[in-house]
Amino acid sequence: GLVQAGGSLRLSCAASGSIYSIGAMGWSRQGPGKQRELV
């Protein structure tokens, strides 16, 4: 969403489907005009 500087957000990610196991999980991001990076 949209927040002001200094504010907070909580992102969630749900995995679904035929899941046998899950190893590492994480978040990456890509800003305008930038390459994707691991967060």
PDB file of all heavy atoms in Angstrom:
ATOM      1  N   GLY A   1       0.808  -1.202   0.000  1.00  0.00           N
ATOM      2  CA  GLY A   1       0.000   0.000   0.000  1.00  0.00           C
ATOM      3  C   GLY A   1       0.840   1.249   0.000  1.00  0.00           C
ATOM      4  O   GLY A   1       2.049   1.207  -0.222  1.00  0.00           O
ATOM      5  N   LEU A   2       0.184   2.366   0.257  1.00  0.00           N
ATOM      6  CA  LEU A   2       0.831   3.675   0.296  1.00  0.00           C
ATOM      7  C   LEU A   2       0.944   4.139   1.741  1.00  0.00           C
ATOM      8  O   LEU A   2      -0.056   4.180   2.463  1.00  0.00           O
ATOM      9  CB  LEU A   2       0.019   4.686  -0.519  1.00  0.00           C
ATOM     10  CG  LEU A   2       0.469   6.141  -0.468  1.00  0.00           C
ATOM     11  CD1 LEU A   2       1.859   6.284  -1.073  1.00  0.00           C
ATOM     12  CD2 LEU A   2      -0.532   7.023  -1.195  1.00  0.00           C
ATOM     13  N   VAL A   3       2.157   4.469   2.159  1.00  0.00           N
ATOM     14  CA  VAL A   3       2.395   4.947   3.515  1.00  0.00           C
ATOM     15  C   VAL A   3       3.352   6.128   3.484  1.00  0.00           C
ATOM     16  O   VAL A   3       4.095   6.325   2.521  1.00  0.00           O
ATOM     17  CB  VAL A   3       2.979   3.850   4.436  1.00  0.00           C
ATOM     18  CG1 VAL A   3       2.002   2.692   4.574  1.00  0.00           C
ATOM     19  CG2 VAL A   3       4.314   3.360   3.898  1.00  0.00           C
ATOM     20  N   GLN A   4       3.341   6.911   4.552  1.00  0.00           N
ATOM     21  CA  GLN A   4       4.272   8.018   4.689  1.00  0.00           C
ATOM     22  C   GLN A   4       5.596   7.524   5.260  1.00  0.00           C
ATOM     23  O   GLN A   4       5.650   6.491   5.927  1.00  0.00           O
ATOM     24  CB  GLN A   4       3.696   9.106   5.593  1.00  0.00           C
ATOM     25  CG  GLN A   4       2.496   9.835   5.017  1.00  0.00           C
ATOM     26  CD  GLN A   4       2.034  10.966   5.907  1.00  0.00           C
ATOM     27  OE1 GLN A   4       2.235  10.957   7.114  1.00  0.00           O
ATOM     28  NE2 GLN A   4       1.407  11.964   5.299  1.00  0.00           N
ATOM     29  N   ALA A   5       6.655   8.255   4.976  1.00  0.00           N
ATOM     30  CA  ALA A   5       7.959   7.915   5.526  1.00  0.00           C
ATOM     31  C   ALA A   5       7.874   7.812   7.044  1.00  0.00           C
ATOM     32  O   ALA A   5       7.242   8.639   7.702  1.00  0.00           O
ATOM     33  CB  ALA A   5       8.992   8.957   5.123  1.00  0.00           C
ATOM     34  N   GLY A   6       8.503   6.772   7.588  1.00  0.00           N
ATOM     35  CA  GLY A   6       8.456   6.528   9.012  1.00  0.00           C
ATOM     36  C   GLY A   6       7.361   5.573   9.427  1.00  0.00           C
ATOM     37  O   GLY A   6       7.345   5.111  10.578  1.00  0.00           O
ATOM     38  N   GLY A   7       6.467   5.262   8.518  1.00  0.00           N
ATOM     39  CA  GLY A   7       5.373   4.367   8.816  1.00  0.00           C
ATOM     40  C   GLY A   7       5.758   2.910   8.709  1.00  0.00           C
ATOM     41  O   GLY A   7       6.915   2.566   8.455  1.00  0.00           O
ATOM     42  N   SER A   8       4.768   2.035   8.891  1.00  0.00           N
ATOM     43  CA  SER A   8       5.001   0.597   8.883  1.00  0.00           C
ATOM     44  C   SER A   8       3.991  -0.126   8.014  1.00  0.00           C
ATOM     45  O   SER A   8       2.860   0.332   7.828  1.00  0.00           O
ATOM     46  CB  SER A   8       4.921   0.033  10.306  1.00  0.00           C
ATOM     47  OG  SER A   8       5.902   0.597  11.157  1.00  0.00           O
ATOM     48  N   LEU A   9       4.412  -1.268   7.503  1.00  0.00           N
ATOM     49  CA  LEU A   9       3.552  -2.168   6.754  1.00  0.00           C
ATOM     50  C   LEU A   9       3.962  -3.593   7.081  1.00  0.00           C
ATOM     51  O   LEU A   9       5.123  -3.854   7.382  1.00  0.00           O
ATOM     52  CB  LEU A   9       3.664  -1.953   5.246  1.00  0.00           C
ATOM     53  CG  LEU A   9       2.947  -0.769   4.608  1.00  0.00           C
ATOM     54  CD1 LEU A   9       3.302  -0.701   3.131  1.00  0.00           C
ATOM     55  CD2 LEU A   9       1.443  -0.890   4.785  1.00  0.00           C
ATOM     56  N   ARG A  10       3.012  -4.500   6.999  1.00  0.00           N
ATOM     57  CA  ARG A  10       3.299  -5.913   7.182  1.00  0.00           C
ATOM     58  C   ARG A  10       2.818  -6.674   5.952  1.00  0.00           C
ATOM     59  O   ARG A  10       1.623  -6.707   5.664  1.00  0.00           O
ATOM     60  CB  ARG A  10       2.613  -6.468   8.426  1.00  0.00           C
ATOM     61  CG  ARG A  10       2.998  -7.918   8.762  1.00  0.00           C
ATOM     62  CD  ARG A  10       2.360  -8.356  10.065  1.00  0.00           C
ATOM     63  NE  ARG A  10       2.870  -9.641  10.542  1.00  0.00           N
ATOM     64  CZ  ARG A  10       2.136 -10.737  10.678  1.00  0.00           C
ATOM     65  NH1 ARG A  10       0.843 -10.726  10.388  1.00  0.00           N
ATOM     66  NH2 ARG A  10       2.692 -11.856  11.129  1.00  0.00           N
ATOM     67  N   LEU A  11       3.753  -7.263   5.237  1.00  0.00           N
ATOM     68  CA  LEU A  11       3.433  -8.046   4.060  1.00  0.00           C
ATOM     69  C   LEU A  11       3.236  -9.506   4.437  1.00  0.00           C
ATOM     70  O   LEU A  11       3.916 -10.025   5.319  1.00  0.00           O
ATOM     71  CB  LEU A  11       4.548  -7.940   3.014  1.00  0.00           C
ATOM     72  CG  LEU A  11       4.950  -6.539   2.562  1.00  0.00           C
ATOM     73  CD1 LEU A  11       6.007  -6.635   1.469  1.00  0.00           C
ATOM     74  CD2 LEU A  11       3.745  -5.752   2.075  1.00  0.00           C
ATOM     75  N   SER A  12       2.316 -10.158   3.751  1.00  0.00           N
ATOM     76  CA  SER A  12       2.054 -11.568   3.975  1.00  0.00           C
ATOM     77  C   SER A  12       2.140 -12.316   2.658  1.00  0.00           C
ATOM     78  O   SER A  12       1.841 -11.769   1.602  1.00  0.00           O
ATOM     79  CB  SER A  12       0.661 -11.782   4.581  1.00  0.00           C
ATOM     80  OG  SER A  12       0.539 -11.135   5.823  1.00  0.00           O
ATOM     81  N   CYS A  13       2.538 -13.567   2.733  1.00  0.00           N
ATOM     82  CA  CYS A  13       2.610 -14.414   1.558  1.00  0.00           C
ATOM     83  C   CYS A  13       2.117 -15.798   1.927  1.00  0.00           C
ATOM     84  O   CYS A  13       2.630 -16.414   2.867  1.00  0.00           O
ATOM     85  CB  CYS A  13       4.044 -14.488   1.031  1.00  0.00           C
ATOM     86  SG  CYS A  13       4.273 -15.651  -0.333  1.00  0.00           S
ATOM     87  N   ALA A  14       1.139 -16.282   1.189  1.00  0.00           N
ATOM     88  CA  ALA A  14       0.567 -17.595   1.434  1.00  0.00           C
ATOM     89  C   ALA A  14       0.937 -18.555   0.315  1.00  0.00           C
ATOM     90  O   ALA A  14       0.761 -18.237  -0.864  1.00  0.00           O
ATOM     91  CB  ALA A  14      -0.947 -17.496   1.553  1.00  0.00           C
ATOM     92  N   ALA A  15       1.450 -19.706   0.690  1.00  0.00           N
ATOM     93  CA  ALA A  15       1.753 -20.764  -0.262  1.00  0.00           C
ATOM     94  C   ALA A  15       0.613 -21.772  -0.253  1.00  0.00           C
ATOM     95  O   ALA A  15       0.145 -22.175   0.811  1.00  0.00           O
ATOM     96  CB  ALA A  15       3.066 -21.450   0.088  1.00  0.00           C
ATOM     97  N   SER A  16       0.178 -22.169  -1.419  1.00  0.00           N
ATOM     98  CA  SER A  16      -0.919 -23.122  -1.509  1.00  0.00           C
ATOM     99  C   SER A  16      -0.698 -24.072  -2.675  1.00  0.00           C
ATOM    100  O   SER A  16       0.159 -23.846  -3.527  1.00  0.00           O
ATOM    101  CB  SER A  16      -2.259 -22.403  -1.670  1.00  0.00           C
ATOM    102  OG  SER A  16      -2.281 -21.643  -2.866  1.00  0.00           O
ATOM    103  N   GLY A  17      -1.500 -25.124  -2.712  1.00  0.00           N
ATOM    104  CA  GLY A  17      -1.394 -26.114  -3.762  1.00  0.00           C
ATOM    105  C   GLY A  17      -0.882 -27.430  -3.218  1.00  0.00           C
ATOM    106  O   GLY A  17      -0.978 -27.706  -2.028  1.00  0.00           O
ATOM    107  N   SER A  18      -0.341 -28.239  -4.096  1.00  0.00           N
ATOM    108  CA  SER A  18       0.198 -29.542  -3.707  1.00  0.00           C
ATOM    109  C   SER A  18       1.623 -29.356  -3.199  1.00  0.00           C
ATOM    110  O   SER A  18       2.580 -29.407  -3.967  1.00  0.00           O
ATOM    111  CB  SER A  18       0.161 -30.504  -4.893  1.00  0.00           C
ATOM    112  OG  SER A  18       0.627 -31.787  -4.520  1.00  0.00           O
ATOM    113  N   ILE A  19       1.746 -29.137  -1.891  1.00  0.00           N
ATOM    114  CA  ILE A  19       3.039 -28.856  -1.271  1.00  0.00           C
ATOM    115  C   ILE A  19       3.541 -30.073  -0.513  1.00  0.00           C
ATOM    116  O   ILE A  19       2.901 -30.523   0.432  1.00  0.00           O
ATOM    117  CB  ILE A  19       2.939 -27.650  -0.324  1.00  0.00           C
ATOM    118  CG1 ILE A  19       2.456 -26.407  -1.079  1.00  0.00           C
ATOM    119  CG2 ILE A  19       4.289 -27.384   0.334  1.00  0.00           C
ATOM    120  CD1 ILE A  19       2.162 -25.224  -0.190  1.00  0.00           C
ATOM    121  N   TYR A  20       4.690 -30.571  -0.915  1.00  0.00           N
ATOM    122  CA  TYR A  20       5.328 -31.678  -0.208  1.00  0.00           C
ATOM    123  C   TYR A  20       6.203 -31.141   0.918  1.00  0.00           C
ATOM    124  O   TYR A  20       6.158 -31.639   2.045  1.00  0.00           O
ATOM    125  CB  TYR A  20       6.153 -32.533  -1.174  1.00  0.00           C
ATOM    126  CG  TYR A  20       6.812 -33.728  -0.522  1.00  0.00           C
ATOM    127  CD1 TYR A  20       6.092 -34.882  -0.277  1.00  0.00           C
ATOM    128  CD2 TYR A  20       8.153 -33.682  -0.146  1.00  0.00           C
ATOM    129  CE1 TYR A  20       6.686 -35.975   0.318  1.00  0.00           C
ATOM    130  CE2 TYR A  20       8.754 -34.778   0.454  1.00  0.00           C
ATOM    131  CZ  TYR A  20       8.013 -35.923   0.687  1.00  0.00           C
ATOM    132  OH  TYR A  20       8.612 -37.010   1.285  1.00  0.00           O
ATOM    133  N   SER A  21       7.005 -30.136   0.621  1.00  0.00           N
ATOM    134  CA  SER A  21       7.843 -29.491   1.616  1.00  0.00           C
ATOM    135  C   SER A  21       8.256 -28.126   1.090  1.00  0.00           C
ATOM    136  O   SER A  21       8.177 -27.855  -0.102  1.00  0.00           O
ATOM    137  CB  SER A  21       9.078 -30.331   1.944  1.00  0.00           C
ATOM    138  OG  SER A  21       9.936 -30.432   0.829  1.00  0.00           O
ATOM    139  N   ILE A  22       8.692 -27.269   2.005  1.00  0.00           N
ATOM    140  CA  ILE A  22       9.169 -25.943   1.641  1.00  0.00           C
ATOM    141  C   ILE A  22      10.512 -25.703   2.302  1.00  0.00           C
ATOM    142  O   ILE A  22      10.663 -25.914   3.508  1.00  0.00           O
ATOM    143  CB  ILE A  22       8.193 -24.828   2.083  1.00  0.00           C
ATOM    144  CG1 ILE A  22       6.804 -25.070   1.504  1.00  0.00           C
ATOM    145  CG2 ILE A  22       8.714 -23.459   1.648  1.00  0.00           C
ATOM    146  CD1 ILE A  22       5.782 -24.038   1.946  1.00  0.00           C
ATOM    147  N   GLY A  23      11.472 -25.276   1.514  1.00  0.00           N
ATOM    148  CA  GLY A  23      12.780 -24.949   2.050  1.00  0.00           C
ATOM    149  C   GLY A  23      12.834 -23.490   2.443  1.00  0.00           C
ATOM    150  O   GLY A  23      12.035 -23.013   3.246  1.00  0.00           O
ATOM    151  N   ALA A  24      13.764 -22.756   1.870  1.00  0.00           N
ATOM    152  CA  ALA A  24      13.901 -21.342   2.180  1.00  0.00           C
ATOM    153  C   ALA A  24      12.736 -20.536   1.617  1.00  0.00           C
ATOM    154  O   ALA A  24      12.192 -20.856   0.563  1.00  0.00           O
ATOM    155  CB  ALA A  24      15.220 -20.811   1.628  1.00  0.00           C
ATOM    156  N   MET A  25      12.357 -19.493   2.329  1.00  0.00           N
ATOM    157  CA  MET A  25      11.353 -18.553   1.856  1.00  0.00           C
ATOM    158  C   MET A  25      11.909 -17.151   2.060  1.00  0.00           C
ATOM    159  O   MET A  25      12.717 -16.920   2.963  1.00  0.00           O
ATOM    160  CB  MET A  25      10.036 -18.699   2.613  1.00  0.00           C
ATOM    161  CG  MET A  25       9.387 -20.061   2.492  1.00  0.00           C
ATOM    162  SD  MET A  25       7.737 -20.130   3.259  1.00  0.00           S
ATOM    163  CE  MET A  25       6.760 -19.289   1.986  1.00  0.00           C
ATOM    164  N   GLY A  26      11.480 -16.227   1.241  1.00  0.00           N
ATOM    165  CA  GLY A  26      11.999 -14.882   1.388  1.00  0.00           C
ATOM    166  C   GLY A  26      11.270 -13.856   0.554  1.00  0.00           C
ATOM    167  O   GLY A  26      10.236 -14.138  -0.060  1.00  0.00           O
ATOM    168  N   TRP A  27      11.839 -12.656   0.574  1.00  0.00           N
ATOM    169  CA  TRP A  27      11.274 -11.528  -0.136  1.00  0.00           C
ATOM    170  C   TRP A  27      12.342 -10.827  -0.953  1.00  0.00           C
ATOM    171  O   TRP A  27      13.475 -10.652  -0.492  1.00  0.00           O
ATOM    172  CB  TRP A  27      10.674 -10.510   0.843  1.00  0.00           C
ATOM    173  CG  TRP A  27       9.506 -11.023   1.621  1.00  0.00           C
ATOM    174  CD1 TRP A  27       9.534 -11.694   2.802  1.00  0.00           C
ATOM    175  CD2 TRP A  27       8.128 -10.900   1.265  1.00  0.00           C
ATOM    176  NE1 TRP A  27       8.258 -11.998   3.212  1.00  0.00           N
ATOM    177  CE2 TRP A  27       7.380 -11.516   2.282  1.00  0.00           C
ATOM    178  CE3 TRP A  27       7.455 -10.318   0.183  1.00  0.00           C
ATOM    179  CZ2 TRP A  27       5.987 -11.574   2.249  1.00  0.00           C
ATOM    180  CZ3 TRP A  27       6.070 -10.380   0.150  1.00  0.00           C
ATOM    181  CH2 TRP A  27       5.354 -11.006   1.180  1.00  0.00           C
ATOM    182  N   SER A  28      11.984 -10.425  -2.148  1.00  0.00           N
ATOM    183  CA  SER A  28      12.833  -9.592  -2.979  1.00  0.00           C
ATOM    184  C   SER A  28      12.015  -8.385  -3.418  1.00  0.00           C
ATOM    185  O   SER A  28      10.796  -8.352  -3.237  1.00  0.00           O
ATOM    186  CB  SER A  28      13.359 -10.369  -4.190  1.00  0.00           C
ATOM    187  OG  SER A  28      12.295 -10.807  -5.013  1.00  0.00           O
ATOM    188  N   ARG A  29      12.683  -7.385  -3.968  1.00  0.00           N
ATOM    189  CA  ARG A  29      11.961  -6.203  -4.415  1.00  0.00           C
ATOM    190  C   ARG A  29      12.629  -5.611  -5.645  1.00  0.00           C
ATOM    191  O   ARG A  29      13.809  -5.838  -5.907  1.00  0.00           O
ATOM    192  CB  ARG A  29      11.891  -5.153  -3.303  1.00  0.00           C
ATOM    193  CG  ARG A  29      13.231  -4.521  -2.940  1.00  0.00           C
ATOM    194  CD  ARG A  29      13.090  -3.582  -1.764  1.00  0.00           C
ATOM    195  NE  ARG A  29      14.345  -2.937  -1.419  1.00  0.00           N
ATOM    196  CZ  ARG A  29      14.529  -2.142  -0.371  1.00  0.00           C
ATOM    197  NH1 ARG A  29      13.510  -1.907   0.457  1.00  0.00           N
ATOM    198  NH2 ARG A  29      15.711  -1.589  -0.136  1.00  0.00           N
ATOM    199  N   GLN A  30      11.855  -4.850  -6.371  1.00  0.00           N
ATOM    200  CA  GLN A  30      12.367  -4.162  -7.543  1.00  0.00           C
ATOM    201  C   GLN A  30      11.739  -2.780  -7.613  1.00  0.00           C
ATOM    202  O   GLN A  30      10.536  -2.646  -7.828  1.00  0.00           O
ATOM    203  CB  GLN A  30      12.079  -4.940  -8.818  1.00  0.00           C
ATOM    204  CG  GLN A  30      12.711  -4.330 -10.055  1.00  0.00           C
ATOM    205  CD  GLN A  30      12.657  -5.248 -11.250  1.00  0.00           C
ATOM    206  OE1 GLN A  30      11.813  -6.133 -11.321  1.00  0.00           O
ATOM    207  NE2 GLN A  30      13.569  -5.052 -12.186  1.00  0.00           N
ATOM    208  N   GLY A  31      12.551  -1.760  -7.419  1.00  0.00           N
ATOM    209  CA  GLY A  31      12.088  -0.394  -7.497  1.00  0.00           C
ATOM    210  C   GLY A  31      12.131   0.113  -8.923  1.00  0.00           C
ATOM    211  O   GLY A  31      12.711  -0.522  -9.805  1.00  0.00           O
ATOM    212  N   PRO A  32      11.529   1.263  -9.173  1.00  0.00           N
ATOM    213  CA  PRO A  32      11.516   1.827 -10.531  1.00  0.00           C
ATOM    214  C   PRO A  32      12.927   2.114 -11.029  1.00  0.00           C
ATOM    215  O   PRO A  32      13.707   2.791 -10.360  1.00  0.00           O
ATOM    216  CB  PRO A  32      10.695   3.112 -10.375  1.00  0.00           C
ATOM    217  CG  PRO A  32      10.802   3.454  -8.924  1.00  0.00           C
ATOM    218  CD  PRO A  32      10.852   2.146  -8.208  1.00  0.00           C
ATOM    219  N   GLY A  33      13.254   1.585 -12.192  1.00  0.00           N
ATOM    220  CA  GLY A  33      14.565   1.794 -12.772  1.00  0.00           C
ATOM    221  C   GLY A  33      15.696   1.054 -12.084  1.00  0.00           C
ATOM    222  O   GLY A  33      16.863   1.356 -12.337  1.00  0.00           O
ATOM    223  N   LYS A  34      15.370   0.094 -11.226  1.00  0.00           N
ATOM    224  CA  LYS A  34      16.387  -0.649 -10.493  1.00  0.00           C
ATOM    225  C   LYS A  34      16.265  -2.147 -10.758  1.00  0.00           C
ATOM    226  O   LYS A  34      15.226  -2.633 -11.189  1.00  0.00           O
ATOM    227  CB  LYS A  34      16.259  -0.392  -8.992  1.00  0.00           C
ATOM    228  CG  LYS A  34      16.404   1.063  -8.580  1.00  0.00           C
ATOM    229  CD  LYS A  34      16.237   1.219  -7.082  1.00  0.00           C
ATOM    230  CE  LYS A  34      16.380   2.666  -6.655  1.00  0.00           C
ATOM    231  NZ  LYS A  34      16.197   2.830  -5.191  1.00  0.00           N
ATOM    232  N   GLN A  35      17.346  -2.872 -10.475  1.00  0.00           N
ATOM    233  CA  GLN A  35      17.334  -4.321 -10.599  1.00  0.00           C
ATOM    234  C   GLN A  35      16.719  -4.944  -9.352  1.00  0.00           C
ATOM    235  O   GLN A  35      16.724  -4.350  -8.276  1.00  0.00           O
ATOM    236  CB  GLN A  35      18.750  -4.850 -10.800  1.00  0.00           C
ATOM    237  CG  GLN A  35      19.400  -4.416 -12.095  1.00  0.00           C
ATOM    238  CD  GLN A  35      20.747  -5.062 -12.305  1.00  0.00           C
ATOM    239  OE1 GLN A  35      21.245  -5.801 -11.455  1.00  0.00           O
ATOM    240  NE2 GLN A  35      21.348  -4.792 -13.444  1.00  0.00           N
ATOM    241  N   ARG A  36      16.199  -6.147  -9.508  1.00  0.00           N
ATOM    242  CA  ARG A  36      15.621  -6.838  -8.377  1.00  0.00           C
ATOM    243  C   ARG A  36      16.716  -7.220  -7.380  1.00  0.00           C
ATOM    244  O   ARG A  36      17.814  -7.622  -7.768  1.00  0.00           O
ATOM    245  CB  ARG A  36      14.864  -8.082  -8.833  1.00  0.00           C
ATOM    246  CG  ARG A  36      14.099  -8.782  -7.713  1.00  0.00           C
ATOM    247  CD  ARG A  36      13.237  -9.913  -8.232  1.00  0.00           C
ATOM    248  NE  ARG A  36      12.199  -9.437  -9.142  1.00  0.00           N
ATOM    249  CZ  ARG A  36      11.201 -10.198  -9.582  1.00  0.00           C
ATOM    250  NH1 ARG A  36      11.102 -11.461  -9.197  1.00  0.00           N
ATOM    251  NH2 ARG A  36      10.312  -9.685 -10.423  1.00  0.00           N
ATOM    252  N   GLU A  37      16.414  -7.080  -6.093  1.00  0.00           N
ATOM    253  CA  GLU A  37      17.376  -7.399  -5.060  1.00  0.00           C
ATOM    254  C   GLU A  37      16.711  -8.198  -3.949  1.00  0.00           C
ATOM    255  O   GLU A  37      15.518  -8.066  -3.686  1.00  0.00           O
ATOM    256  CB  GLU A  37      17.991  -6.122  -4.466  1.00  0.00           C
ATOM    257  CG  GLU A  37      16.990  -5.237  -3.740  1.00  0.00           C
ATOM    258  CD  GLU A  37      17.626  -4.057  -3.029  1.00  0.00           C
ATOM    259  OE1 GLU A  37      18.859  -4.051  -2.856  1.00  0.00           O
ATOM    260  OE2 GLU A  37      16.877  -3.133  -2.650  1.00  0.00           O
ATOM    261  N   LEU A  38      17.504  -9.018  -3.277  1.00  0.00           N
ATOM    262  CA  LEU A  38      17.016  -9.772  -2.134  1.00  0.00           C
ATOM    263  C   LEU A  38      16.855  -8.837  -0.950  1.00  0.00           C
ATOM    264  O   LEU A  38      17.753  -8.054  -0.639  1.00  0.00           O
ATOM    265  CB  LEU A  38      17.989 -10.898  -1.781  1.00  0.00           C
ATOM    266  CG  LEU A  38      17.669 -11.680  -0.497  1.00  0.00           C
ATOM    267  CD1 LEU A  38      16.410 -12.514  -0.695  1.00  0.00           C
ATOM    268  CD2 LEU A  38      18.848 -12.568  -0.111  1.00  0.00           C
ATOM    269  N   VAL A  39      15.720  -8.922  -0.279  1.00  0.00           N
ATOM    270  CA  VAL A  39      15.455  -8.110   0.899  1.00  0.00           C
ATOM    271  C   VAL A  39      15.688  -8.913   2.168  1.00  0.00           C
ATOM    272  O   VAL A  39      16.386  -8.470   3.083  1.00  0.00           O
ATOM    273  CB  VAL A  39      14.015  -7.561   0.881  1.00  0.00           C
ATOM    274  CG1 VAL A  39      13.707  -6.808   2.180  1.00  0.00           C
ATOM    275  CG2 VAL A  39      13.813  -6.652  -0.321  1.00  0.00           C
TER     276      VAL A  39
END
